[in-house]
Amino acid sequence: MSRGRNFTVAERAIKIVGVMAGVTLDEINRELEAEARRCGMAPRLMPQASYDMEATQYRNWIDQDRRRFWTHITRPHAIGDL
């Protein structure tokens, strides 16, 4: 089954900044839904497993190289490549 469309730059920023700020998954998903509505797109939510994995991965590399944070938002790589 297809996961649907890719996250937009704004949606990736919401996800990553939310995870880094310690925001709950429900809060992040509410913002993702609101962003999708503003853009006239179908909502794409963040699953719990992604939230857990990204919380671990992002915290590990954000302190090492802050430029990678920006690069991942604008030109994303698979989480396993981080």
N, C-alpha and C. Protein backbone atom coordinates (compact mmCIF):
# COMPACT_ATOMS: atom_id res chain seq x y z
N MET A 1 0.84 -1.18 0.00
CA MET A 1 0.00 0.00 0.00
C MET A 1 0.89 1.25 0.00
N SER A 2 0.54 2.21 -0.79
CA SER A 2 1.30 3.44 -0.91
C SER A 2 1.11 4.31 0.33
N ARG A 3 2.17 5.00 0.70
CA ARG A 3 2.09 5.90 1.85
C ARG A 3 1.47 7.24 1.47
N GLY A 4 1.23 7.45 0.18
CA GLY A 4 0.66 8.72 -0.27
C GLY A 4 1.75 9.68 -0.68
N ARG A 5 1.46 10.94 -0.62
CA ARG A 5 2.39 11.97 -1.08
C ARG A 5 3.54 12.16 -0.09
N ASN A 6 4.60 12.78 -0.58
CA ASN A 6 5.74 13.12 0.28
C ASN A 6 5.40 14.33 1.13
N PHE A 7 6.11 14.48 2.23
CA PHE A 7 5.94 15.68 3.06
C PHE A 7 6.50 16.88 2.32
N THR A 8 5.84 18.03 2.48
CA THR A 8 6.34 19.28 1.91
C THR A 8 7.47 19.80 2.80
N VAL A 9 8.18 20.82 2.34
CA VAL A 9 9.24 21.43 3.14
C VAL A 9 8.65 21.94 4.46
N ALA A 10 7.51 22.60 4.41
CA ALA A 10 6.89 23.13 5.63
C ALA A 10 6.51 21.99 6.59
N GLU A 11 5.98 20.90 6.04
CA GLU A 11 5.60 19.78 6.90
C GLU A 11 6.83 19.13 7.54
N ARG A 12 7.91 19.00 6.77
CA ARG A 12 9.14 18.44 7.35
C ARG A 12 9.65 19.34 8.47
N ALA A 13 9.58 20.64 8.27
CA ALA A 13 10.02 21.57 9.31
C ALA A 13 9.15 21.42 10.56
N ILE A 14 7.84 21.31 10.39
CA ILE A 14 6.94 21.11 11.53
C ILE A 14 7.33 19.85 12.29
N LYS A 15 7.55 18.77 11.56
CA LYS A 15 7.91 17.50 12.20
C LYS A 15 9.22 17.61 12.96
N ILE A 16 10.25 18.08 12.30
CA ILE A 16 11.58 18.09 12.89
C ILE A 16 11.67 19.06 14.06
N VAL A 17 11.17 20.26 13.88
CA VAL A 17 11.23 21.24 14.97
C VAL A 17 10.36 20.77 16.14
N GLY A 18 9.21 20.18 15.83
CA GLY A 18 8.35 19.66 16.90
C GLY A 18 9.04 18.57 17.70
N VAL A 19 9.67 17.64 17.01
CA VAL A 19 10.39 16.55 17.69
C VAL A 19 11.52 17.13 18.54
N MET A 20 12.30 18.05 17.96
CA MET A 20 13.42 18.63 18.69
C MET A 20 12.96 19.45 19.89
N ALA A 21 11.77 20.03 19.80
CA ALA A 21 11.23 20.85 20.91
C ALA A 21 10.55 20.00 21.97
N GLY A 22 10.42 18.70 21.72
CA GLY A 22 9.77 17.83 22.68
C GLY A 22 8.25 17.93 22.67
N VAL A 23 7.70 18.40 21.55
CA VAL A 23 6.26 18.53 21.38
C VAL A 23 5.67 17.12 21.22
N THR A 24 4.45 16.91 21.71
CA THR A 24 3.83 15.60 21.60
C THR A 24 3.47 15.28 20.15
N LEU A 25 3.32 14.01 19.88
CA LEU A 25 2.93 13.56 18.55
C LEU A 25 1.57 14.14 18.16
N ASP A 26 0.64 14.19 19.10
CA ASP A 26 -0.68 14.76 18.80
C ASP A 26 -0.59 16.22 18.37
N GLU A 27 0.25 16.99 19.04
CA GLU A 27 0.42 18.40 18.67
C GLU A 27 1.02 18.54 17.28
N ILE A 28 2.01 17.72 16.99
CA ILE A 28 2.63 17.76 15.66
C ILE A 28 1.60 17.41 14.60
N ASN A 29 0.83 16.36 14.82
CA ASN A 29 -0.17 15.95 13.84
C ASN A 29 -1.26 17.00 13.65
N ARG A 30 -1.63 17.71 14.71
CA ARG A 30 -2.60 18.80 14.55
C ARG A 30 -2.05 19.89 13.64
N GLU A 31 -0.78 20.22 13.82
CA GLU A 31 -0.15 21.23 12.96
C GLU A 31 -0.01 20.74 11.52
N LEU A 32 0.31 19.46 11.34
CA LEU A 32 0.40 18.90 10.00
C LEU A 32 -0.95 18.95 9.30
N GLU A 33 -2.02 18.64 10.03
CA GLU A 33 -3.37 18.72 9.45
C GLU A 33 -3.71 20.15 9.07
N ALA A 34 -3.39 21.10 9.94
CA ALA A 34 -3.68 22.51 9.66
C ALA A 34 -2.90 22.99 8.45
N GLU A 35 -1.64 22.60 8.35
CA GLU A 35 -0.81 23.00 7.20
C GLU A 35 -1.36 22.42 5.90
N ALA A 36 -1.78 21.17 5.93
CA ALA A 36 -2.36 20.55 4.74
C ALA A 36 -3.64 21.28 4.31
N ARG A 37 -4.46 21.64 5.28
CA ARG A 37 -5.70 22.38 4.96
C ARG A 37 -5.37 23.72 4.33
N ARG A 38 -4.38 24.43 4.89
CA ARG A 38 -3.99 25.75 4.34
C ARG A 38 -3.52 25.62 2.89
N CYS A 39 -2.88 24.50 2.58
CA CYS A 39 -2.33 24.29 1.23
C CYS A 39 -3.31 23.56 0.31
N GLY A 40 -4.47 23.17 0.82
CA GLY A 40 -5.46 22.47 0.00
C GLY A 40 -5.05 21.05 -0.35
N MET A 41 -4.28 20.41 0.52
CA MET A 41 -3.81 19.04 0.26
C MET A 41 -4.41 18.08 1.28
N ALA A 42 -4.32 16.80 0.95
CA ALA A 42 -4.74 15.77 1.89
C ALA A 42 -3.72 15.73 3.03
N PRO A 43 -4.18 15.59 4.26
CA PRO A 43 -3.23 15.56 5.38
C PRO A 43 -2.36 14.31 5.35
N ARG A 44 -1.12 14.47 5.72
CA ARG A 44 -0.18 13.37 5.88
C ARG A 44 0.35 13.47 7.30
N LEU A 45 -0.02 12.51 8.13
CA LEU A 45 0.33 12.56 9.54
C LEU A 45 1.59 11.77 9.84
N MET A 46 2.16 12.04 10.99
CA MET A 46 3.37 11.38 11.43
C MET A 46 2.99 10.19 12.32
N PRO A 47 3.38 8.97 11.96
CA PRO A 47 3.08 7.81 12.80
C PRO A 47 3.96 7.79 14.05
N GLN A 48 3.49 7.08 15.06
CA GLN A 48 4.22 6.98 16.33
C GLN A 48 5.63 6.43 16.12
N ALA A 49 5.77 5.41 15.30
CA ALA A 49 7.09 4.81 15.08
C ALA A 49 8.07 5.83 14.48
N SER A 50 7.61 6.66 13.57
CA SER A 50 8.47 7.70 12.99
C SER A 50 8.85 8.73 14.04
N TYR A 51 7.89 9.11 14.86
CA TYR A 51 8.15 10.07 15.93
C TYR A 51 9.26 9.55 16.86
N ASP A 52 9.13 8.30 17.27
CA ASP A 52 10.11 7.70 18.18
C ASP A 52 11.49 7.62 17.53
N MET A 53 11.54 7.18 16.28
CA MET A 53 12.80 7.03 15.58
C MET A 53 13.44 8.39 15.32
N GLU A 54 12.66 9.35 14.88
CA GLU A 54 13.21 10.66 14.58
C GLU A 54 13.68 11.37 15.83
N ALA A 55 12.99 11.18 16.94
CA ALA A 55 13.42 11.81 18.19
C ALA A 55 14.82 11.35 18.54
N THR A 56 15.09 10.09 18.36
CA THR A 56 16.42 9.55 18.66
C THR A 56 17.45 10.01 17.64
N GLN A 57 17.14 9.84 16.36
CA GLN A 57 18.11 10.16 15.30
C GLN A 57 18.44 11.65 15.26
N TYR A 58 17.44 12.51 15.31
CA TYR A 58 17.68 13.95 15.19
C TYR A 58 18.49 14.48 16.36
N ARG A 59 18.19 14.01 17.55
CA ARG A 59 18.96 14.49 18.70
C ARG A 59 20.42 14.09 18.59
N ASN A 60 20.67 12.93 18.00
CA ASN A 60 22.06 12.48 17.86
C ASN A 60 22.85 13.35 16.89
N TRP A 61 22.28 13.71 15.75
CA TRP A 61 23.08 14.43 14.77
C TRP A 61 22.91 15.93 14.80
N ILE A 62 21.89 16.48 15.42
CA ILE A 62 21.71 17.93 15.40
C ILE A 62 22.82 18.62 16.18
N ASP A 63 23.28 18.00 17.26
CA ASP A 63 24.35 18.61 18.03
C ASP A 63 25.69 18.49 17.32
N GLN A 64 25.85 17.51 16.47
CA GLN A 64 27.11 17.30 15.77
C GLN A 64 27.28 18.25 14.58
N ASP A 65 26.21 18.50 13.86
CA ASP A 65 26.33 19.29 12.64
C ASP A 65 24.99 19.98 12.36
N ARG A 66 24.84 21.20 12.79
CA ARG A 66 23.56 21.93 12.65
C ARG A 66 23.17 22.17 11.19
N ARG A 67 24.13 22.23 10.30
CA ARG A 67 23.83 22.45 8.88
C ARG A 67 23.02 21.29 8.31
N ARG A 68 23.28 20.07 8.81
CA ARG A 68 22.53 18.91 8.34
C ARG A 68 21.04 19.05 8.65
N PHE A 69 20.72 19.75 9.70
CA PHE A 69 19.32 20.01 10.08
C PHE A 69 18.61 20.75 8.95
N TRP A 70 19.22 21.82 8.47
CA TRP A 70 18.64 22.59 7.37
C TRP A 70 18.59 21.77 6.08
N THR A 71 19.66 21.08 5.79
CA THR A 71 19.73 20.29 4.57
C THR A 71 18.65 19.21 4.56
N HIS A 72 18.41 18.59 5.70
CA HIS A 72 17.39 17.54 5.77
C HIS A 72 15.98 18.11 5.55
N ILE A 73 15.74 19.31 6.01
CA ILE A 73 14.42 19.93 5.79
C ILE A 73 14.25 20.27 4.31
N THR A 74 15.26 20.83 3.69
CA THR A 74 15.12 21.30 2.32
C THR A 74 15.35 20.21 1.27
N ARG A 75 16.23 19.26 1.57
CA ARG A 75 16.51 18.15 0.65
C ARG A 75 16.63 16.86 1.47
N PRO A 76 15.50 16.27 1.83
CA PRO A 76 15.51 15.17 2.81
C PRO A 76 16.20 13.92 2.30
N HIS A 77 16.75 13.21 3.25
CA HIS A 77 17.32 11.88 3.02
C HIS A 77 16.52 10.89 3.85
N ALA A 78 16.63 9.64 3.54
CA ALA A 78 15.99 8.62 4.35
C ALA A 78 16.56 8.68 5.75
N ILE A 79 15.72 8.45 6.75
CA ILE A 79 16.15 8.53 8.14
C ILE A 79 17.31 7.59 8.41
N GLY A 80 17.36 6.47 7.73
CA GLY A 80 18.45 5.53 7.90
C GLY A 80 19.78 6.04 7.39
N ASP A 81 19.75 7.04 6.52
CA ASP A 81 20.99 7.63 5.98
C ASP A 81 21.58 8.68 6.89
N LEU A 82 20.86 9.06 7.93
CA LEU A 82 21.37 10.11 8.82
C LEU A 82 22.41 9.54 9.69
